[in-house]
Amino acid sequence: MVERIAGKFEKAMKKGFISTLALMVLENEPMHGRQIKKAIEDRTFGGWEPTDSTIYTILKDLREKNLIIPIHIPGTDEKTITYEITDDGKNTLEIMMKKEQEIRESMRSIITSTFGIKDELSSDELNEFFEQKSPFARITNKPEIETLQMLEFQRTFLNKRIEVLNQKLHKIEDKISILKDKNRNEEVS
């Protein structure tokens, strides 16, 4: 039962994130469903690969809420529905972006304390990661440059994390060694 509840919670979160990402990609230009799906996959570096049914369910929901509208682009297949963000969609996106930023601030605190990286990364590096390298950050540069910057930061972040974990591993190994030695000495006595 707990797993079912957690699964429903995860599904709702993903739907909300994918809805936000769909509005974000439509903010830049009108797209059809396959383009939106590909843009979400690209923005998340393959972290989210929504299924076709998920994308079309979300697009239907956004359309019913008047956040996007279907448009026809001359010269395209009549069956291909291209979507455009509405003014309500833009306003909703702004609110969602503010909420996402508040959540990100909370997550920053949790992550830095849980993973013990606060001292390993400078404040500038942390700010850059949490404020500019989120899949929800608005694209300001060329996508290739942003991808490179994101991957370089992730590499730095992971290398710092590996250092911290190696230090913790050495401490654990030292404690294990001490306890084993203590147990051996007690057995001999």
C-alpha atoms as a PDB file:
ATOM      1  CA  MET A   1       0.000   0.000   0.000  1.00  0.00           C
ATOM      2  CA  VAL A   2       2.792   2.431   0.906  1.00  0.00           C
ATOM      3  CA  GLU A   3       4.491   1.702  -2.421  1.00  0.00           C
ATOM      4  CA  ARG A   4       1.249   2.425  -4.287  1.00  0.00           C
ATOM      5  CA  ILE A   5       0.861   5.767  -2.490  1.00  0.00           C
ATOM      6  CA  ALA A   6       4.510   6.658  -3.204  1.00  0.00           C
ATOM      7  CA  GLY A   7       4.000   5.696  -6.847  1.00  0.00           C
ATOM      8  CA  LYS A   8       0.973   7.997  -7.136  1.00  0.00           C
ATOM      9  CA  PHE A   9       2.940  10.819  -5.496  1.00  0.00           C
ATOM     10  CA  GLU A  10       5.850  10.302  -7.916  1.00  0.00           C
ATOM     11  CA  LYS A  11       3.486  10.252 -10.899  1.00  0.00           C
ATOM     12  CA  ALA A  12       1.857  13.536  -9.806  1.00  0.00           C
ATOM     13  CA  MET A  13       5.262  15.188  -9.307  1.00  0.00           C
ATOM     14  CA  LYS A  14       6.504  14.086 -12.731  1.00  0.00           C
ATOM     15  CA  LYS A  15       3.285  15.298 -14.355  1.00  0.00           C
ATOM     16  CA  GLY A  16       3.729  18.701 -12.723  1.00  0.00           C
ATOM     17  CA  PHE A  17       7.381  18.944 -13.759  1.00  0.00           C
ATOM     18  CA  ILE A  18       6.655  17.820 -17.315  1.00  0.00           C
ATOM     19  CA  SER A  19       3.763  20.297 -17.547  1.00  0.00           C
ATOM     20  CA  THR A  20       6.094  23.096 -16.477  1.00  0.00           C
ATOM     21  CA  LEU A  21       8.770  22.001 -18.940  1.00  0.00           C
ATOM     22  CA  ALA A  22       6.177  21.771 -21.730  1.00  0.00           C
ATOM     23  CA  LEU A  23       5.088  25.360 -21.067  1.00  0.00           C
ATOM     24  CA  MET A  24       8.719  26.457 -20.957  1.00  0.00           C
ATOM     25  CA  VAL A  25       9.577  24.985 -24.345  1.00  0.00           C
ATOM     26  CA  LEU A  26       6.387  26.409 -25.839  1.00  0.00           C
ATOM     27  CA  GLU A  27       7.322  29.817 -24.444  1.00  0.00           C
ATOM     28  CA  ASN A  28      10.144  29.937 -27.005  1.00  0.00           C
ATOM     29  CA  GLU A  29       8.224  28.706 -30.049  1.00  0.00           C
ATOM     30  CA  PRO A  30       5.157  26.693 -31.079  1.00  0.00           C
ATOM     31  CA  MET A  31       5.802  22.934 -31.308  1.00  0.00           C
ATOM     32  CA  HIS A  32       3.987  19.671 -31.857  1.00  0.00           C
ATOM     33  CA  GLY A  33       3.979  16.822 -29.340  1.00  0.00           C
ATOM     34  CA  ARG A  34       7.062  14.967 -30.602  1.00  0.00           C
ATOM     35  CA  GLN A  35       9.067  18.203 -30.602  1.00  0.00           C
ATOM     36  CA  ILE A  36       7.950  18.983 -27.053  1.00  0.00           C
ATOM     37  CA  LYS A  37       8.923  15.473 -25.924  1.00  0.00           C
ATOM     38  CA  LYS A  38      12.371  15.802 -27.551  1.00  0.00           C
ATOM     39  CA  ALA A  39      12.901  19.284 -26.054  1.00  0.00           C
ATOM     40  CA  ILE A  40      12.101  17.945 -22.553  1.00  0.00           C
ATOM     41  CA  GLU A  41      14.504  15.037 -23.034  1.00  0.00           C
ATOM     42  CA  ASP A  42      17.205  17.470 -24.212  1.00  0.00           C
ATOM     43  CA  ARG A  43      16.670  19.920 -21.333  1.00  0.00           C
ATOM     44  CA  THR A  44      16.933  17.138 -18.763  1.00  0.00           C
ATOM     45  CA  PHE A  45      19.867  15.423 -20.521  1.00  0.00           C
ATOM     46  CA  GLY A  46      17.754  12.293 -20.857  1.00  0.00           C
ATOM     47  CA  GLY A  47      16.771  12.367 -17.188  1.00  0.00           C
ATOM     48  CA  TRP A  48      13.129  12.465 -18.188  1.00  0.00           C
ATOM     49  CA  GLU A  49      12.004  10.647 -21.266  1.00  0.00           C
ATOM     50  CA  PRO A  50       8.238  10.998 -21.074  1.00  0.00           C
ATOM     51  CA  THR A  51       6.211   8.480 -23.018  1.00  0.00           C
ATOM     52  CA  ASP A  52       4.054   9.609 -25.912  1.00  0.00           C
ATOM     53  CA  SER A  53       0.924   8.908 -23.875  1.00  0.00           C
ATOM     54  CA  THR A  54       2.241  11.043 -20.997  1.00  0.00           C
ATOM     55  CA  ILE A  55       3.023  13.955 -23.317  1.00  0.00           C
ATOM     56  CA  TYR A  56      -0.363  13.837 -25.017  1.00  0.00           C
ATOM     57  CA  THR A  57      -2.196  13.500 -21.688  1.00  0.00           C
ATOM     58  CA  ILE A  58      -0.348  16.559 -20.388  1.00  0.00           C
ATOM     59  CA  LEU A  59      -0.987  18.513 -23.593  1.00  0.00           C
ATOM     60  CA  LYS A  60      -4.693  17.653 -23.343  1.00  0.00           C
ATOM     61  CA  ASP A  61      -4.731  18.855 -19.726  1.00  0.00           C
ATOM     62  CA  LEU A  62      -2.890  22.093 -20.581  1.00  0.00           C
ATOM     63  CA  ARG A  63      -5.273  22.657 -23.495  1.00  0.00           C
ATOM     64  CA  GLU A  64      -8.360  22.108 -21.299  1.00  0.00           C
ATOM     65  CA  LYS A  65      -6.989  24.688 -18.849  1.00  0.00           C
ATOM     66  CA  ASN A  66      -6.494  27.178 -21.726  1.00  0.00           C
ATOM     67  CA  LEU A  67      -2.740  27.296 -21.086  1.00  0.00           C
ATOM     68  CA  ILE A  68      -1.975  26.218 -24.649  1.00  0.00           C
ATOM     69  CA  ILE A  69      -3.956  26.301 -27.871  1.00  0.00           C
ATOM     70  CA  PRO A  70      -3.663  24.268 -31.053  1.00  0.00           C
ATOM     71  CA  ILE A  71      -2.599  26.193 -34.132  1.00  0.00           C
ATOM     72  CA  HIS A  72      -2.123  25.195 -37.730  1.00  0.00           C
ATOM     73  CA  ILE A  73       1.151  26.010 -39.419  1.00  0.00           C
ATOM     74  CA  PRO A  74       0.792  26.294 -43.203  1.00  0.00           C
ATOM     75  CA  GLY A  75       2.658  23.592 -45.072  1.00  0.00           C
ATOM     76  CA  THR A  76       2.479  21.043 -42.249  1.00  0.00           C
ATOM     77  CA  ASP A  77       0.546  17.800 -42.147  1.00  0.00           C
ATOM     78  CA  GLU A  78      -3.120  18.366 -41.245  1.00  0.00           C
ATOM     79  CA  LYS A  79      -2.907  15.578 -38.626  1.00  0.00           C
ATOM     80  CA  THR A  80       0.020  17.210 -36.809  1.00  0.00           C
ATOM     81  CA  ILE A  81      -1.237  19.492 -34.061  1.00  0.00           C
ATOM     82  CA  THR A  82       1.122  22.304 -33.176  1.00  0.00           C
ATOM     83  CA  TYR A  83       0.644  24.027 -29.828  1.00  0.00           C
ATOM     84  CA  GLU A  84       1.234  27.602 -28.753  1.00  0.00           C
ATOM     85  CA  ILE A  85       1.315  28.964 -25.211  1.00  0.00           C
ATOM     86  CA  THR A  86      -1.499  31.367 -24.299  1.00  0.00           C
ATOM     87  CA  ASP A  87      -1.306  34.484 -22.136  1.00  0.00           C
ATOM     88  CA  ASP A  88      -2.841  32.434 -19.299  1.00  0.00           C
ATOM     89  CA  GLY A  89      -0.131  29.850 -19.943  1.00  0.00           C
ATOM     90  CA  LYS A  90       2.591  32.502 -19.727  1.00  0.00           C
ATOM     91  CA  ASN A  91       1.149  33.865 -16.472  1.00  0.00           C
ATOM     92  CA  THR A  92       0.835  30.366 -15.034  1.00  0.00           C
ATOM     93  CA  LEU A  93       4.395  29.602 -16.077  1.00  0.00           C
ATOM     94  CA  GLU A  94       5.657  32.679 -14.227  1.00  0.00           C
ATOM     95  CA  ILE A  95       3.904  31.543 -11.044  1.00  0.00           C
ATOM     96  CA  MET A  96       5.211  27.994 -11.493  1.00  0.00           C
ATOM     97  CA  MET A  97       8.750  29.318 -12.000  1.00  0.00           C
ATOM     98  CA  LYS A  98       8.550  31.292  -8.743  1.00  0.00           C
ATOM     99  CA  LYS A  99       7.269  28.221  -6.892  1.00  0.00           C
ATOM    100  CA  GLU A 100      10.014  26.072  -8.436  1.00  0.00           C
ATOM    101  CA  GLN A 101      12.621  28.599  -7.280  1.00  0.00           C
ATOM    102  CA  GLU A 102      11.245  28.439  -3.716  1.00  0.00           C
ATOM    103  CA  ILE A 103      11.408  24.632  -3.824  1.00  0.00           C
ATOM    104  CA  ARG A 104      14.945  24.785  -5.226  1.00  0.00           C
ATOM    105  CA  GLU A 105      16.025  27.029  -2.335  1.00  0.00           C
ATOM    106  CA  SER A 106      14.652  24.508   0.149  1.00  0.00           C
ATOM    107  CA  MET A 107      16.324  21.653  -1.708  1.00  0.00           C
ATOM    108  CA  ARG A 108      19.649  23.512  -1.712  1.00  0.00           C
ATOM    109  CA  SER A 109      19.605  23.543   2.064  1.00  0.00           C
ATOM    110  CA  ILE A 110      18.682  19.865   2.282  1.00  0.00           C
ATOM    111  CA  ILE A 111      21.246  18.745  -0.313  1.00  0.00           C
ATOM    112  CA  THR A 112      24.163  20.739   1.035  1.00  0.00           C
ATOM    113  CA  SER A 113      23.578  19.531   4.580  1.00  0.00           C
ATOM    114  CA  THR A 114      22.735  15.927   3.682  1.00  0.00           C
ATOM    115  CA  PHE A 115      25.577  15.396   1.242  1.00  0.00           C
ATOM    116  CA  GLY A 116      28.108  17.440   3.171  1.00  0.00           C
ATOM    117  CA  ILE A 117      29.120  19.547   0.179  1.00  0.00           C
ATOM    118  CA  LYS A 118      28.606  23.008   1.607  1.00  0.00           C
ATOM    119  CA  ASP A 119      32.276  23.458   2.445  1.00  0.00           C
ATOM    120  CA  GLU A 120      33.551  21.684  -0.666  1.00  0.00           C
ATOM    121  CA  LEU A 121      31.893  24.035  -3.160  1.00  0.00           C
ATOM    122  CA  SER A 122      32.080  27.798  -3.172  1.00  0.00           C
ATOM    123  CA  SER A 123      28.922  29.848  -2.781  1.00  0.00           C
ATOM    124  CA  ASP A 124      29.248  30.934  -6.409  1.00  0.00           C
ATOM    125  CA  GLU A 125      29.397  27.311  -7.570  1.00  0.00           C
ATOM    126  CA  LEU A 126      26.376  26.394  -5.463  1.00  0.00           C
ATOM    127  CA  ASN A 127      24.393  29.393  -6.697  1.00  0.00           C
ATOM    128  CA  GLU A 128      25.298  28.581 -10.281  1.00  0.00           C
ATOM    129  CA  PHE A 129      24.192  24.971  -9.874  1.00  0.00           C
ATOM    130  CA  PHE A 130      20.943  25.625  -8.060  1.00  0.00           C
ATOM    131  CA  GLU A 131      19.865  28.755  -9.888  1.00  0.00           C
ATOM    132  CA  GLN A 132      21.152  28.488 -13.439  1.00  0.00           C
ATOM    133  CA  LYS A 133      21.674  24.814 -14.163  1.00  0.00           C
ATOM    134  CA  SER A 134      18.214  23.532 -13.355  1.00  0.00           C
ATOM    135  CA  PRO A 135      16.206  22.075 -16.247  1.00  0.00           C
ATOM    136  CA  PHE A 136      13.698  24.774 -15.283  1.00  0.00           C
ATOM    137  CA  ALA A 137      16.147  27.626 -15.908  1.00  0.00           C
ATOM    138  CA  ARG A 138      15.230  29.702 -18.896  1.00  0.00           C
ATOM    139  CA  ILE A 139      17.522  29.286 -21.848  1.00  0.00           C
ATOM    140  CA  THR A 140      19.623  32.383 -22.386  1.00  0.00           C
ATOM    141  CA  ASN A 141      22.608  31.076 -24.352  1.00  0.00           C
ATOM    142  CA  LYS A 142      22.983  28.637 -27.189  1.00  0.00           C
ATOM    143  CA  PRO A 143      21.755  25.206 -26.032  1.00  0.00           C
ATOM    144  CA  GLU A 144      25.167  23.621 -26.799  1.00  0.00           C
ATOM    145  CA  ILE A 145      26.944  26.103 -24.520  1.00  0.00           C
ATOM    146  CA  GLU A 146      24.409  25.518 -21.737  1.00  0.00           C
ATOM    147  CA  THR A 147      24.776  21.758 -22.137  1.00  0.00           C
ATOM    148  CA  LEU A 148      28.560  22.029 -21.907  1.00  0.00           C
ATOM    149  CA  GLN A 149      28.349  24.289 -18.847  1.00  0.00           C
ATOM    150  CA  MET A 150      25.873  21.963 -17.155  1.00  0.00           C
ATOM    151  CA  LEU A 151      27.989  18.873 -17.818  1.00  0.00           C
ATOM    152  CA  GLU A 152      31.170  20.616 -16.615  1.00  0.00           C
ATOM    153  CA  PHE A 153      29.456  21.662 -13.411  1.00  0.00           C
ATOM    154  CA  GLN A 154      28.041  18.180 -12.868  1.00  0.00           C
ATOM    155  CA  ARG A 155      31.561  16.782 -13.284  1.00  0.00           C
ATOM    156  CA  THR A 156      32.908  19.241 -10.683  1.00  0.00           C
ATOM    157  CA  PHE A 157      30.008  18.491  -8.337  1.00  0.00           C
ATOM    158  CA  LEU A 158      30.502  14.729  -8.632  1.00  0.00           C
ATOM    159  CA  ASN A 159      34.282  14.966  -8.196  1.00  0.00           C
ATOM    160  CA  LYS A 160      33.774  16.976  -4.995  1.00  0.00           C
ATOM    161  CA  ARG A 161      31.204  14.449  -3.824  1.00  0.00           C
ATOM    162  CA  ILE A 162      33.590  11.564  -4.554  1.00  0.00           C
ATOM    163  CA  GLU A 163      36.259  13.267  -2.440  1.00  0.00           C
ATOM    164  CA  VAL A 164      33.863  13.632   0.488  1.00  0.00           C
ATOM    165  CA  LEU A 165      32.658  10.050   0.147  1.00  0.00           C
ATOM    166  CA  ASN A 166      36.234   8.738  -0.027  1.00  0.00           C
ATOM    167  CA  GLN A 167      37.057  10.607   3.182  1.00  0.00           C
ATOM    168  CA  LYS A 168      34.002   9.091   4.870  1.00  0.00           C
ATOM    169  CA  LEU A 169      34.916   5.652   3.520  1.00  0.00           C
ATOM    170  CA  HIS A 170      38.429   5.917   4.976  1.00  0.00           C
ATOM    171  CA  LYS A 171      36.988   6.866   8.371  1.00  0.00           C
ATOM    172  CA  ILE A 172      34.643   3.882   8.253  1.00  0.00           C
ATOM    173  CA  GLU A 173      37.475   1.563   7.233  1.00  0.00           C
ATOM    174  CA  ASP A 174      39.594   2.885  10.096  1.00  0.00           C
ATOM    175  CA  LYS A 175      36.774   2.254  12.585  1.00  0.00           C
ATOM    176  CA  ILE A 176      36.236  -1.263  11.213  1.00  0.00           C
ATOM    177  CA  SER A 177      39.935  -1.990  11.552  1.00  0.00           C
ATOM    178  CA  ILE A 178      39.991  -0.711  15.142  1.00  0.00           C
ATOM    179  CA  LEU A 179      36.928  -2.782  16.072  1.00  0.00           C
ATOM    180  CA  LYS A 180      38.356  -5.917  14.432  1.00  0.00           C
ATOM    181  CA  ASP A 181      41.640  -5.447  16.295  1.00  0.00           C
ATOM    182  CA  LYS A 182      39.743  -4.949  19.539  1.00  0.00           C
ATOM    183  CA  ASN A 183      37.710  -8.134  18.951  1.00  0.00           C
ATOM    184  CA  ARG A 184      40.858 -10.137  18.159  1.00  0.00           C
ATOM    185  CA  ASN A 185      42.546  -8.887  21.358  1.00  0.00           C
ATOM    186  CA  GLU A 186      39.473  -9.793  23.430  1.00  0.00           C
ATOM    187  CA  GLU A 187      39.374 -13.291  21.908  1.00  0.00           C
ATOM    188  CA  VAL A 188      43.050 -13.856  22.739  1.00  0.00           C
ATOM    189  CA  SER A 189      42.591 -12.746  26.350  1.00  0.00           C
END
